[in-house]
Amino acid sequence: MSPCDVPVHNSLRQHIAALAARLISEEGITDYGLAKRKAARQLGVTRGEVMPSGAEIEDALRDYQALIHDDEDDERLAMMRETALELMRLFPAWRPALTGAALDGTANGFSEVEIDLFADSAKEVEIALLNRGIVYEHREIRRPGPDAPEAILVFDWDEVPVKLCVYGPFADRMPRRNGGERVRISAVEAMCAARNSQK
């Protein structure tokens, strides 16, 4: 790429990231890769080197949501974090960790509470859900691999959509595939307490 191409390259990346952010927010696309490919197609971009990173899309999503932000968004985020905390307290044996939109603050009306669990077997988690009367569905794992979850279990908890990703017992020592952050119960408790103190 010549020096003259750099501004065009950066501009295309920004346009793709901005459109991907809008698609995520308005259409409920949860996969950043899918969102940026769809955005690139809509913009007629075919060059892979101009694709934005997940971090760039997340930044664009924050910018987009700052433009359309309202009190309902704050309430939704608070409710998702309270739901996450409640569920994490139910399953301490599997070292639950909150991740995704409820953690990073980019939650919208399509977002799920995403919790990673680390178990010897996904069946253990499924049995625990059934014993608590929680009806769940399996979601297909899109990109199987050594860093993929063993199972993705989805259900609604008091009308809040939840996604449990069940990994092997030592997977929490490795970074998440998409680079997202994970936090434990104490951090979620602190977020909820901070929100409650502002009321």
N, C-alpha and C. Protein backbone atom coordinates (compact mmCIF):
# COMPACT_ATOMS: atom_id res chain seq x y z
N MET A 1 0.85 -1.18 0.00
CA MET A 1 0.00 0.00 0.00
C MET A 1 0.89 1.24 0.00
N SER A 2 0.63 2.16 -0.91
CA SER A 2 1.41 3.38 -1.00
C SER A 2 0.95 4.37 0.06
N PRO A 3 1.81 5.35 0.40
CA PRO A 3 1.41 6.36 1.39
C PRO A 3 0.12 7.08 1.01
N CYS A 4 -0.11 7.22 -0.29
CA CYS A 4 -1.33 7.91 -0.74
C CYS A 4 -2.59 7.11 -0.41
N ASP A 5 -2.44 5.78 -0.28
CA ASP A 5 -3.60 4.93 0.01
C ASP A 5 -4.00 4.95 1.48
N VAL A 6 -3.11 5.41 2.36
CA VAL A 6 -3.37 5.31 3.80
C VAL A 6 -4.63 6.06 4.22
N PRO A 7 -4.81 7.34 3.80
CA PRO A 7 -6.05 8.03 4.22
C PRO A 7 -7.31 7.34 3.72
N VAL A 8 -7.28 6.84 2.48
CA VAL A 8 -8.44 6.13 1.93
C VAL A 8 -8.68 4.85 2.70
N HIS A 9 -7.61 4.13 2.98
CA HIS A 9 -7.67 2.88 3.75
C HIS A 9 -8.31 3.13 5.12
N ASN A 10 -7.83 4.16 5.83
CA ASN A 10 -8.36 4.48 7.17
C ASN A 10 -9.81 4.93 7.09
N SER A 11 -10.14 5.71 6.07
CA SER A 11 -11.51 6.18 5.91
C SER A 11 -12.46 5.01 5.66
N LEU A 12 -12.05 4.06 4.83
CA LEU A 12 -12.89 2.88 4.57
C LEU A 12 -13.08 2.06 5.83
N ARG A 13 -12.02 1.88 6.60
CA ARG A 13 -12.11 1.14 7.86
C ARG A 13 -13.12 1.81 8.79
N GLN A 14 -13.05 3.13 8.88
CA GLN A 14 -13.97 3.87 9.74
C GLN A 14 -15.41 3.74 9.26
N HIS A 15 -15.61 3.81 7.95
CA HIS A 15 -16.96 3.68 7.39
C HIS A 15 -17.53 2.29 7.66
N ILE A 16 -16.70 1.27 7.45
CA ILE A 16 -17.15 -0.10 7.70
C ILE A 16 -17.48 -0.29 9.18
N ALA A 17 -16.60 0.20 10.05
CA ALA A 17 -16.83 0.08 11.49
C ALA A 17 -18.11 0.79 11.90
N ALA A 18 -18.33 1.99 11.36
CA ALA A 18 -19.53 2.76 11.72
C ALA A 18 -20.80 2.05 11.25
N LEU A 19 -20.78 1.52 10.03
CA LEU A 19 -21.96 0.82 9.53
C LEU A 19 -22.17 -0.48 10.29
N ALA A 20 -21.10 -1.18 10.60
CA ALA A 20 -21.21 -2.41 11.39
C ALA A 20 -21.82 -2.11 12.75
N ALA A 21 -21.41 -1.01 13.36
CA ALA A 21 -21.96 -0.61 14.66
C ALA A 21 -23.46 -0.35 14.55
N ARG A 22 -23.87 0.31 13.48
CA ARG A 22 -25.30 0.58 13.29
C ARG A 22 -26.08 -0.71 13.10
N LEU A 23 -25.51 -1.65 12.33
CA LEU A 23 -26.17 -2.94 12.11
C LEU A 23 -26.31 -3.72 13.42
N ILE A 24 -25.27 -3.68 14.24
CA ILE A 24 -25.31 -4.35 15.53
C ILE A 24 -26.40 -3.76 16.41
N SER A 25 -26.45 -2.45 16.43
CA SER A 25 -27.40 -1.76 17.29
C SER A 25 -28.84 -1.86 16.80
N GLU A 26 -29.05 -1.76 15.49
CA GLU A 26 -30.41 -1.70 14.94
C GLU A 26 -30.98 -3.05 14.54
N GLU A 27 -30.09 -3.98 14.14
CA GLU A 27 -30.57 -5.26 13.65
C GLU A 27 -30.31 -6.41 14.62
N GLY A 28 -29.59 -6.12 15.69
CA GLY A 28 -29.35 -7.15 16.68
C GLY A 28 -28.30 -8.17 16.30
N ILE A 29 -27.43 -7.83 15.36
CA ILE A 29 -26.34 -8.74 15.00
C ILE A 29 -25.37 -8.78 16.17
N THR A 30 -25.04 -9.97 16.62
CA THR A 30 -24.16 -10.09 17.79
C THR A 30 -22.73 -10.47 17.42
N ASP A 31 -22.53 -10.94 16.21
CA ASP A 31 -21.21 -11.37 15.75
C ASP A 31 -20.54 -10.20 15.02
N TYR A 32 -19.47 -9.67 15.60
CA TYR A 32 -18.78 -8.53 14.99
C TYR A 32 -18.26 -8.87 13.59
N GLY A 33 -17.78 -10.10 13.41
CA GLY A 33 -17.28 -10.51 12.10
C GLY A 33 -18.37 -10.47 11.05
N LEU A 34 -19.53 -10.99 11.39
CA LEU A 34 -20.66 -10.96 10.47
C LEU A 34 -21.08 -9.53 10.18
N ALA A 35 -21.12 -8.69 11.21
CA ALA A 35 -21.52 -7.29 11.03
C ALA A 35 -20.57 -6.56 10.09
N LYS A 36 -19.26 -6.77 10.26
CA LYS A 36 -18.33 -6.03 9.39
C LYS A 36 -18.34 -6.57 7.96
N ARG A 37 -18.57 -7.88 7.79
CA ARG A 37 -18.67 -8.41 6.41
C ARG A 37 -19.91 -7.86 5.72
N LYS A 38 -21.02 -7.80 6.45
CA LYS A 38 -22.26 -7.27 5.88
C LYS A 38 -22.10 -5.78 5.57
N ALA A 39 -21.47 -5.05 6.46
CA ALA A 39 -21.22 -3.62 6.22
C ALA A 39 -20.33 -3.43 4.99
N ALA A 40 -19.28 -4.23 4.89
CA ALA A 40 -18.37 -4.11 3.74
C ALA A 40 -19.11 -4.39 2.44
N ARG A 41 -19.97 -5.43 2.43
CA ARG A 41 -20.75 -5.73 1.22
C ARG A 41 -21.65 -4.55 0.85
N GLN A 42 -22.32 -3.97 1.86
CA GLN A 42 -23.22 -2.85 1.59
C GLN A 42 -22.47 -1.65 1.04
N LEU A 43 -21.22 -1.49 1.45
CA LEU A 43 -20.42 -0.37 0.96
C LEU A 43 -19.64 -0.72 -0.31
N GLY A 44 -19.78 -1.97 -0.77
CA GLY A 44 -19.08 -2.39 -1.99
C GLY A 44 -17.59 -2.57 -1.81
N VAL A 45 -17.16 -2.84 -0.58
CA VAL A 45 -15.73 -3.02 -0.29
C VAL A 45 -15.40 -4.50 -0.36
N THR A 46 -14.35 -4.83 -1.10
CA THR A 46 -13.95 -6.23 -1.24
C THR A 46 -12.53 -6.49 -0.72
N ARG A 47 -11.81 -5.43 -0.37
CA ARG A 47 -10.41 -5.60 0.07
C ARG A 47 -10.37 -5.94 1.55
N GLY A 48 -9.81 -7.09 1.86
CA GLY A 48 -9.74 -7.55 3.24
C GLY A 48 -8.89 -6.68 4.15
N GLU A 49 -7.89 -6.02 3.59
CA GLU A 49 -6.98 -5.24 4.43
C GLU A 49 -7.62 -4.00 5.03
N VAL A 50 -8.80 -3.62 4.54
CA VAL A 50 -9.46 -2.44 5.11
C VAL A 50 -10.50 -2.81 6.16
N MET A 51 -10.59 -4.08 6.50
CA MET A 51 -11.57 -4.50 7.50
C MET A 51 -11.15 -4.02 8.89
N PRO A 52 -12.07 -3.41 9.64
CA PRO A 52 -11.75 -2.95 10.99
C PRO A 52 -11.63 -4.13 11.95
N SER A 53 -10.92 -3.90 13.02
CA SER A 53 -10.78 -4.91 14.07
C SER A 53 -12.02 -4.90 14.95
N GLY A 54 -12.13 -5.92 15.81
CA GLY A 54 -13.23 -5.96 16.76
C GLY A 54 -13.20 -4.75 17.68
N ALA A 55 -12.00 -4.32 18.07
CA ALA A 55 -11.88 -3.15 18.96
C ALA A 55 -12.37 -1.89 18.27
N GLU A 56 -12.08 -1.76 16.97
CA GLU A 56 -12.54 -0.58 16.23
C GLU A 56 -14.07 -0.58 16.11
N ILE A 57 -14.65 -1.76 15.93
CA ILE A 57 -16.11 -1.84 15.85
C ILE A 57 -16.72 -1.51 17.20
N GLU A 58 -16.11 -2.00 18.26
CA GLU A 58 -16.62 -1.71 19.61
C GLU A 58 -16.56 -0.21 19.88
N ASP A 59 -15.47 0.46 19.46
CA ASP A 59 -15.38 1.91 19.63
C ASP A 59 -16.47 2.62 18.84
N ALA A 60 -16.69 2.15 17.60
CA ALA A 60 -17.74 2.76 16.77
C ALA A 60 -19.11 2.52 17.37
N LEU A 61 -19.30 1.36 17.97
CA LEU A 61 -20.59 1.04 18.61
C LEU A 61 -20.82 1.97 19.80
N ARG A 62 -19.79 2.22 20.58
CA ARG A 62 -19.92 3.16 21.71
C ARG A 62 -20.28 4.56 21.20
N ASP A 63 -19.62 4.99 20.12
CA ASP A 63 -19.90 6.31 19.55
C ASP A 63 -21.35 6.38 19.06
N TYR A 64 -21.79 5.32 18.37
CA TYR A 64 -23.15 5.31 17.84
C TYR A 64 -24.17 5.33 18.97
N GLN A 65 -23.93 4.53 19.98
CA GLN A 65 -24.88 4.46 21.09
C GLN A 65 -24.88 5.75 21.91
N ALA A 66 -23.76 6.45 21.94
CA ALA A 66 -23.73 7.74 22.64
C ALA A 66 -24.66 8.74 21.95
N LEU A 67 -24.80 8.61 20.62
CA LEU A 67 -25.67 9.52 19.87
C LEU A 67 -27.14 9.24 20.14
N ILE A 68 -27.48 7.96 20.34
CA ILE A 68 -28.90 7.60 20.47
C ILE A 68 -29.26 7.20 21.91
N HIS A 69 -28.35 7.44 22.83
CA HIS A 69 -28.50 7.01 24.22
C HIS A 69 -29.70 7.67 24.90
N ASP A 70 -30.41 6.87 25.72
CA ASP A 70 -31.48 7.44 26.54
C ASP A 70 -31.55 6.70 27.88
N ASP A 71 -32.45 7.14 28.75
CA ASP A 71 -32.55 6.54 30.09
C ASP A 71 -32.93 5.07 30.03
N GLU A 72 -33.68 4.69 29.00
CA GLU A 72 -34.08 3.29 28.85
C GLU A 72 -32.86 2.40 28.69
N ASP A 73 -31.84 2.90 27.99
CA ASP A 73 -30.60 2.14 27.81
C ASP A 73 -29.92 1.90 29.16
N ASP A 74 -29.90 2.93 30.01
CA ASP A 74 -29.29 2.79 31.34
C ASP A 74 -30.03 1.74 32.16
N GLU A 75 -31.37 1.78 32.09
CA GLU A 75 -32.18 0.82 32.85
C GLU A 75 -31.95 -0.60 32.34
N ARG A 76 -31.88 -0.76 31.02
CA ARG A 76 -31.65 -2.07 30.43
C ARG A 76 -30.30 -2.63 30.88
N LEU A 77 -29.26 -1.80 30.81
CA LEU A 77 -27.92 -2.24 31.21
C LEU A 77 -27.90 -2.64 32.68
N ALA A 78 -28.54 -1.82 33.53
CA ALA A 78 -28.59 -2.14 34.96
C ALA A 78 -29.32 -3.46 35.20
N MET A 79 -30.43 -3.68 34.49
CA MET A 79 -31.19 -4.91 34.65
C MET A 79 -30.37 -6.11 34.18
N MET A 80 -29.62 -5.96 33.10
CA MET A 80 -28.80 -7.05 32.60
C MET A 80 -27.70 -7.40 33.60
N ARG A 81 -27.10 -6.40 34.18
CA ARG A 81 -26.03 -6.66 35.16
C ARG A 81 -26.58 -7.30 36.43
N GLU A 82 -27.76 -6.88 36.88
CA GLU A 82 -28.40 -7.51 38.05
C GLU A 82 -28.73 -8.97 37.75
N THR A 83 -29.22 -9.22 36.54
CA THR A 83 -29.52 -10.60 36.12
C THR A 83 -28.25 -11.44 36.10
N ALA A 84 -27.19 -10.86 35.55
CA ALA A 84 -25.90 -11.57 35.50
C ALA A 84 -25.44 -11.94 36.91
N LEU A 85 -25.54 -10.99 37.82
CA LEU A 85 -25.09 -11.23 39.19
C LEU A 85 -25.91 -12.34 39.84
N GLU A 86 -27.21 -12.30 39.64
CA GLU A 86 -28.08 -13.34 40.20
C GLU A 86 -27.70 -14.72 39.68
N LEU A 87 -27.47 -14.83 38.38
CA LEU A 87 -27.12 -16.12 37.79
C LEU A 87 -25.72 -16.57 38.20
N MET A 88 -24.79 -15.65 38.26
CA MET A 88 -23.43 -16.00 38.66
C MET A 88 -23.40 -16.55 40.08
N ARG A 89 -24.26 -16.01 40.93
CA ARG A 89 -24.32 -16.51 42.31
C ARG A 89 -24.93 -17.91 42.38
N LEU A 90 -25.71 -18.29 41.37
CA LEU A 90 -26.29 -19.63 41.35
C LEU A 90 -25.26 -20.71 41.01
N PHE A 91 -24.21 -20.32 40.28
CA PHE A 91 -23.27 -21.32 39.75
C PHE A 91 -21.82 -21.02 40.12
N PRO A 92 -21.52 -20.82 41.41
CA PRO A 92 -20.15 -20.44 41.78
C PRO A 92 -19.12 -21.53 41.49
N ALA A 93 -19.55 -22.79 41.48
CA ALA A 93 -18.60 -23.89 41.28
C ALA A 93 -17.92 -23.83 39.92
N TRP A 94 -18.57 -23.19 38.96
CA TRP A 94 -18.00 -23.15 37.60
C TRP A 94 -17.35 -21.81 37.29
N ARG A 95 -16.96 -21.09 38.31
CA ARG A 95 -16.19 -19.84 38.19
C ARG A 95 -16.78 -18.91 37.11
N PRO A 96 -18.03 -18.50 37.28
CA PRO A 96 -18.68 -17.70 36.25
C PRO A 96 -17.98 -16.36 36.01
N ALA A 97 -17.98 -15.95 34.76
CA ALA A 97 -17.37 -14.66 34.38
C ALA A 97 -18.30 -13.96 33.39
N LEU A 98 -18.61 -12.71 33.71
CA LEU A 98 -19.44 -11.91 32.81
C LEU A 98 -18.57 -11.37 31.68
N THR A 99 -19.14 -11.33 30.50
CA THR A 99 -18.46 -10.79 29.34
C THR A 99 -19.50 -10.15 28.42
N GLY A 100 -19.07 -9.63 27.31
CA GLY A 100 -20.02 -9.12 26.32
C GLY A 100 -20.59 -7.75 26.63
N ALA A 101 -21.76 -7.48 26.03
CA ALA A 101 -22.36 -6.14 26.06
C ALA A 101 -22.78 -5.68 27.45
N ALA A 102 -23.19 -6.61 28.31
CA ALA A 102 -23.58 -6.22 29.67
C ALA A 102 -22.37 -5.78 30.48
N LEU A 103 -21.21 -6.26 30.11
CA LEU A 103 -19.98 -5.85 30.79
C LEU A 103 -19.45 -4.55 30.21
N ASP A 104 -19.31 -4.49 28.90
CA ASP A 104 -18.65 -3.32 28.30
C ASP A 104 -19.56 -2.12 28.11
N GLY A 105 -20.85 -2.27 28.43
CA GLY A 105 -21.76 -1.13 28.38
C GLY A 105 -22.38 -0.87 27.02
N THR A 106 -22.18 -1.78 26.05
CA THR A 106 -22.74 -1.57 24.71
C THR A 106 -24.07 -2.28 24.52
N ALA A 107 -24.70 -2.70 25.59
CA ALA A 107 -25.96 -3.46 25.49
C ALA A 107 -27.05 -2.63 24.81
N ASN A 108 -27.83 -3.33 23.99
CA ASN A 108 -29.00 -2.70 23.37
C ASN A 108 -30.18 -3.66 23.52
N GLY A 109 -31.27 -3.37 22.87
CA GLY A 109 -32.47 -4.18 23.01
C GLY A 109 -32.34 -5.60 22.51
N PHE A 110 -31.29 -5.89 21.75
CA PHE A 110 -31.07 -7.24 21.22
C PHE A 110 -30.03 -8.02 22.01
N SER A 111 -29.37 -7.37 22.95
CA SER A 111 -28.24 -8.00 23.64
C SER A 111 -28.66 -9.07 24.61
N GLU A 112 -27.76 -10.03 24.80
CA GLU A 112 -27.93 -11.09 25.79
C GLU A 112 -26.95 -10.87 26.93
N VAL A 113 -27.32 -11.35 28.10
CA VAL A 113 -26.35 -11.44 29.19
C VAL A 113 -25.45 -12.62 28.85
N GLU A 114 -24.16 -12.37 28.71
CA GLU A 114 -23.22 -13.43 28.34
C GLU A 114 -22.35 -13.79 29.55
N ILE A 115 -22.44 -15.05 29.93
CA ILE A 115 -21.66 -15.54 31.06
C ILE A 115 -20.87 -16.77 30.62
N ASP A 116 -19.57 -16.75 30.89
CA ASP A 116 -18.72 -17.91 30.62
C ASP A 116 -18.64 -18.75 31.89
N LEU A 117 -18.78 -20.06 31.72
CA LEU A 117 -18.62 -21.02 32.82
C LEU A 117 -17.51 -21.99 32.46
N PHE A 118 -16.84 -22.54 33.47
CA PHE A 118 -15.69 -23.43 33.25
C PHE A 118 -15.93 -24.72 34.02
N ALA A 119 -16.30 -25.77 33.29
CA ALA A 119 -16.74 -27.02 33.92
C ALA A 119 -16.01 -28.20 33.31
N ASP A 120 -15.98 -29.31 34.07
CA ASP A 120 -15.40 -30.55 33.53
C ASP A 120 -16.21 -31.05 32.35
N SER A 121 -17.50 -30.79 32.38
CA SER A 121 -18.39 -31.25 31.31
C SER A 121 -19.57 -30.30 31.19
N ALA A 122 -19.97 -30.00 29.97
CA ALA A 122 -21.15 -29.16 29.75
C ALA A 122 -22.40 -29.84 30.29
N LYS A 123 -22.39 -31.18 30.35
CA LYS A 123 -23.55 -31.91 30.89
C LYS A 123 -23.83 -31.52 32.34
N GLU A 124 -22.77 -31.27 33.12
CA GLU A 124 -22.96 -30.84 34.52
C GLU A 124 -23.82 -29.58 34.58
N VAL A 125 -23.51 -28.64 33.70
CA VAL A 125 -24.24 -27.37 33.68
C VAL A 125 -25.68 -27.61 33.23
N GLU A 126 -25.85 -28.44 32.21
CA GLU A 126 -27.19 -28.73 31.70
C GLU A 126 -28.06 -29.38 32.79
N ILE A 127 -27.47 -30.31 33.54
CA ILE A 127 -28.22 -30.98 34.61
C ILE A 127 -28.60 -29.96 35.68
N ALA A 128 -27.68 -29.05 36.02
CA ALA A 128 -27.98 -28.03 37.03
C ALA A 128 -29.12 -27.12 36.56
N LEU A 129 -29.13 -26.77 35.28
CA LEU A 129 -30.21 -25.94 34.75
C LEU A 129 -31.54 -26.68 34.83
N LEU A 130 -31.53 -27.94 34.43
CA LEU A 130 -32.76 -28.74 34.47
C LEU A 130 -33.26 -28.90 35.90
N ASN A 131 -32.34 -29.12 36.84
CA ASN A 131 -32.73 -29.27 38.25
C ASN A 131 -33.37 -28.00 38.81
N ARG A 132 -33.02 -26.85 38.23
CA ARG A 132 -33.61 -25.59 38.66
C ARG A 132 -34.84 -25.21 37.82
N GLY A 133 -35.23 -26.12 36.94
CA GLY A 133 -36.41 -25.86 36.11
C GLY A 133 -36.18 -24.84 35.01
N ILE A 134 -34.93 -24.62 34.63
CA ILE A 134 -34.60 -23.65 33.57
C ILE A 134 -34.61 -24.36 32.23
N VAL A 135 -35.52 -23.96 31.38
CA VAL A 135 -35.62 -24.54 30.04
C VAL A 135 -34.67 -23.78 29.12
N TYR A 136 -33.74 -24.49 28.52
CA TYR A 136 -32.72 -23.86 27.68
C TYR A 136 -32.69 -24.51 26.31
N GLU A 137 -32.02 -23.84 25.40
CA GLU A 137 -31.78 -24.38 24.06
C GLU A 137 -30.29 -24.37 23.79
N HIS A 138 -29.86 -25.30 22.95
CA HIS A 138 -28.47 -25.30 22.49
C HIS A 138 -28.37 -24.36 21.29
N ARG A 139 -27.32 -23.55 21.27
CA ARG A 139 -27.05 -22.72 20.10
C ARG A 139 -25.84 -23.32 19.39
N GLU A 140 -25.89 -23.29 18.08
CA GLU A 140 -24.79 -23.85 17.29
C GLU A 140 -23.51 -23.05 17.53
N ILE A 141 -22.41 -23.77 17.64
CA ILE A 141 -21.09 -23.13 17.76
C ILE A 141 -20.61 -22.86 16.34
N ARG A 142 -20.49 -21.60 16.00
CA ARG A 142 -20.21 -21.22 14.60
C ARG A 142 -18.82 -21.60 14.12
N ARG A 143 -17.83 -21.37 14.99
CA ARG A 143 -16.46 -21.65 14.57
C ARG A 143 -15.81 -22.60 15.57
N PRO A 144 -16.04 -23.90 15.41
CA PRO A 144 -15.43 -24.85 16.35
C PRO A 144 -13.90 -24.75 16.33
N GLY A 145 -13.31 -25.06 17.43
CA GLY A 145 -11.85 -25.02 17.52
C GLY A 145 -11.44 -25.22 18.96
N PRO A 146 -10.14 -25.26 19.22
CA PRO A 146 -9.67 -25.51 20.58
C PRO A 146 -10.04 -24.41 21.57
N ASP A 147 -10.29 -23.19 21.07
CA ASP A 147 -10.66 -22.11 21.99
C ASP A 147 -12.16 -21.83 21.99
N ALA A 148 -12.94 -22.70 21.35
CA ALA A 148 -14.39 -22.52 21.30
C ALA A 148 -15.03 -23.14 22.55
N PRO A 149 -16.21 -22.65 22.93
CA PRO A 149 -16.90 -23.28 24.07
C PRO A 149 -17.35 -24.69 23.70
N GLU A 150 -17.52 -25.53 24.73
CA GLU A 150 -18.03 -26.88 24.50
C GLU A 150 -19.52 -26.85 24.21
N ALA A 151 -20.21 -25.88 24.78
CA ALA A 151 -21.65 -25.75 24.56
C ALA A 151 -22.05 -24.29 24.77
N ILE A 152 -23.08 -23.88 24.04
CA ILE A 152 -23.70 -22.57 24.24
C ILE A 152 -25.16 -22.83 24.57
N LEU A 153 -25.56 -22.41 25.76
CA LEU A 153 -26.91 -22.66 26.25
C LEU A 153 -27.62 -21.32 26.40
N VAL A 154 -28.81 -21.19 25.80
CA VAL A 154 -29.53 -19.92 25.84
C VAL A 154 -30.91 -20.11 26.45
N PHE A 155 -31.35 -19.11 27.19
CA PHE A 155 -32.67 -19.12 27.83
C PHE A 155 -33.00 -17.70 28.26
N ASP A 156 -34.23 -17.50 28.67
CA ASP A 156 -34.66 -16.22 29.22
C ASP A 156 -34.76 -16.33 30.73
N TRP A 157 -34.28 -15.31 31.44
CA TRP A 157 -34.37 -15.25 32.89
C TRP A 157 -35.13 -13.97 33.23
N ASP A 158 -36.37 -14.13 33.68
CA ASP A 158 -37.22 -12.96 33.93
C ASP A 158 -37.23 -12.02 32.72
N GLU A 159 -37.42 -12.61 31.55
CA GLU A 159 -37.52 -11.88 30.27
C GLU A 159 -36.21 -11.26 29.80
N VAL A 160 -35.11 -11.58 30.46
CA VAL A 160 -33.79 -11.11 30.00
C VAL A 160 -33.12 -12.28 29.28
N PRO A 161 -32.74 -12.10 28.00
CA PRO A 161 -32.07 -13.19 27.30
C PRO A 161 -30.67 -13.45 27.85
N VAL A 162 -30.37 -14.73 28.03
CA VAL A 162 -29.10 -15.13 28.64
C VAL A 162 -28.40 -16.14 27.73
N LYS A 163 -27.08 -16.00 27.64
CA LYS A 163 -26.26 -16.97 26.90
C LYS A 163 -25.14 -17.44 27.82
N LEU A 164 -25.16 -18.75 28.13
CA LEU A 164 -24.08 -19.36 28.89
C LEU A 164 -23.14 -20.07 27.93
N CYS A 165 -21.87 -19.69 27.93
CA CYS A 165 -20.87 -20.40 27.14
C CYS A 165 -20.09 -21.28 28.10
N VAL A 166 -20.15 -22.58 27.89
CA VAL A 166 -19.51 -23.54 28.79
C VAL A 166 -18.19 -23.99 28.17
N TYR A 167 -17.11 -23.68 28.87
CA TYR A 167 -15.76 -24.04 28.42
C TYR A 167 -15.21 -25.14 29.31
N GLY A 168 -14.08 -25.70 28.89
CA GLY A 168 -13.38 -26.68 29.70
C GLY A 168 -12.86 -26.04 30.97
N PRO A 169 -12.44 -26.86 31.94
CA PRO A 169 -12.11 -26.33 33.27
C PRO A 169 -10.91 -25.37 33.32
N PHE A 170 -10.03 -25.41 32.32
CA PHE A 170 -8.84 -24.55 32.35
C PHE A 170 -8.87 -23.46 31.30
N ALA A 171 -9.97 -23.32 30.60
CA ALA A 171 -10.06 -22.35 29.51
C ALA A 171 -10.01 -20.91 29.99
N ASP A 172 -10.30 -20.67 31.28
CA ASP A 172 -10.26 -19.29 31.76
C ASP A 172 -8.83 -18.76 31.86
N ARG A 173 -7.85 -19.64 31.66
CA ARG A 173 -6.46 -19.18 31.65
C ARG A 173 -6.07 -18.62 30.28
N MET A 174 -6.92 -18.86 29.29
CA MET A 174 -6.64 -18.38 27.94
C MET A 174 -7.54 -17.18 27.64
N PRO A 175 -7.07 -16.27 26.78
CA PRO A 175 -7.93 -15.14 26.41
C PRO A 175 -9.13 -15.62 25.58
N ARG A 176 -10.20 -14.85 25.60
CA ARG A 176 -11.37 -15.18 24.79
C ARG A 176 -11.02 -15.05 23.32
N ARG A 177 -11.69 -15.82 22.51
CA ARG A 177 -11.44 -15.84 21.07
C ARG A 177 -11.55 -14.45 20.46
N ASN A 178 -12.57 -13.69 20.84
CA ASN A 178 -12.76 -12.37 20.25
C ASN A 178 -12.05 -11.27 21.02
N GLY A 179 -11.26 -11.66 22.00
CA GLY A 179 -10.48 -10.67 22.74
C GLY A 179 -11.25 -9.94 23.82
N GLY A 180 -12.51 -10.29 24.02
CA GLY A 180 -13.31 -9.59 25.02
C GLY A 180 -12.83 -9.86 26.44
N GLU A 181 -13.17 -8.94 27.30
CA GLU A 181 -12.78 -9.03 28.70
C GLU A 181 -13.75 -9.95 29.45
N ARG A 182 -13.29 -10.52 30.54
CA ARG A 182 -14.13 -11.30 31.46
C ARG A 182 -13.94 -10.73 32.86
N VAL A 183 -15.04 -10.67 33.64
CA VAL A 183 -14.90 -10.26 35.04
C VAL A 183 -15.66 -11.23 35.93
N ARG A 184 -15.20 -11.36 37.16
CA ARG A 184 -15.80 -12.28 38.12
C ARG A 184 -16.91 -11.59 38.93
N ILE A 185 -17.50 -12.36 39.83
CA ILE A 185 -18.65 -11.89 40.60
C ILE A 185 -18.34 -10.59 41.34
N SER A 186 -17.18 -10.48 41.95
CA SER A 186 -16.87 -9.29 42.75
C SER A 186 -16.94 -8.02 41.91
N ALA A 187 -16.48 -8.09 40.66
CA ALA A 187 -16.52 -6.91 39.79
C ALA A 187 -17.95 -6.56 39.41
N VAL A 188 -18.78 -7.57 39.17
CA VAL A 188 -20.19 -7.32 38.83
C VAL A 188 -20.92 -6.76 40.04
N GLU A 189 -20.61 -7.27 41.23
CA GLU A 189 -21.19 -6.71 42.46
C GLU A 189 -20.85 -5.23 42.59
N ALA A 190 -19.60 -4.89 42.27
CA ALA A 190 -19.17 -3.49 42.37
C ALA A 190 -19.91 -2.61 41.37
N MET A 191 -20.11 -3.11 40.14
CA MET A 191 -20.84 -2.34 39.14
C MET A 191 -22.27 -2.10 39.58
N CYS A 192 -22.91 -3.15 40.10
CA CYS A 192 -24.31 -3.04 40.55
C CYS A 192 -24.41 -2.10 41.73
N ALA A 193 -23.45 -2.19 42.66
CA ALA A 193 -23.47 -1.33 43.84
C ALA A 193 -23.29 0.13 43.45
N ALA A 194 -22.40 0.38 42.48
CA ALA A 194 -22.16 1.76 42.02
C ALA A 194 -23.42 2.33 41.40
N ARG A 195 -24.11 1.52 40.63
CA ARG A 195 -25.36 1.97 40.00
C ARG A 195 -26.42 2.28 41.07
N ASN A 196 -26.55 1.39 42.06
CA ASN A 196 -27.54 1.57 43.11
C ASN A 196 -27.26 2.81 43.97
N SER A 197 -25.98 3.12 44.13
CA SER A 197 -25.61 4.28 44.95
C SER A 197 -25.93 5.59 44.24
N GLN A 198 -26.09 5.53 42.91
CA GLN A 198 -26.39 6.74 42.12
C GLN A 198 -27.88 7.05 42.10
N LYS A 199 -28.72 6.09 42.54
CA LYS A 199 -30.18 6.30 42.48
C LYS A 199 -30.61 7.34 43.50
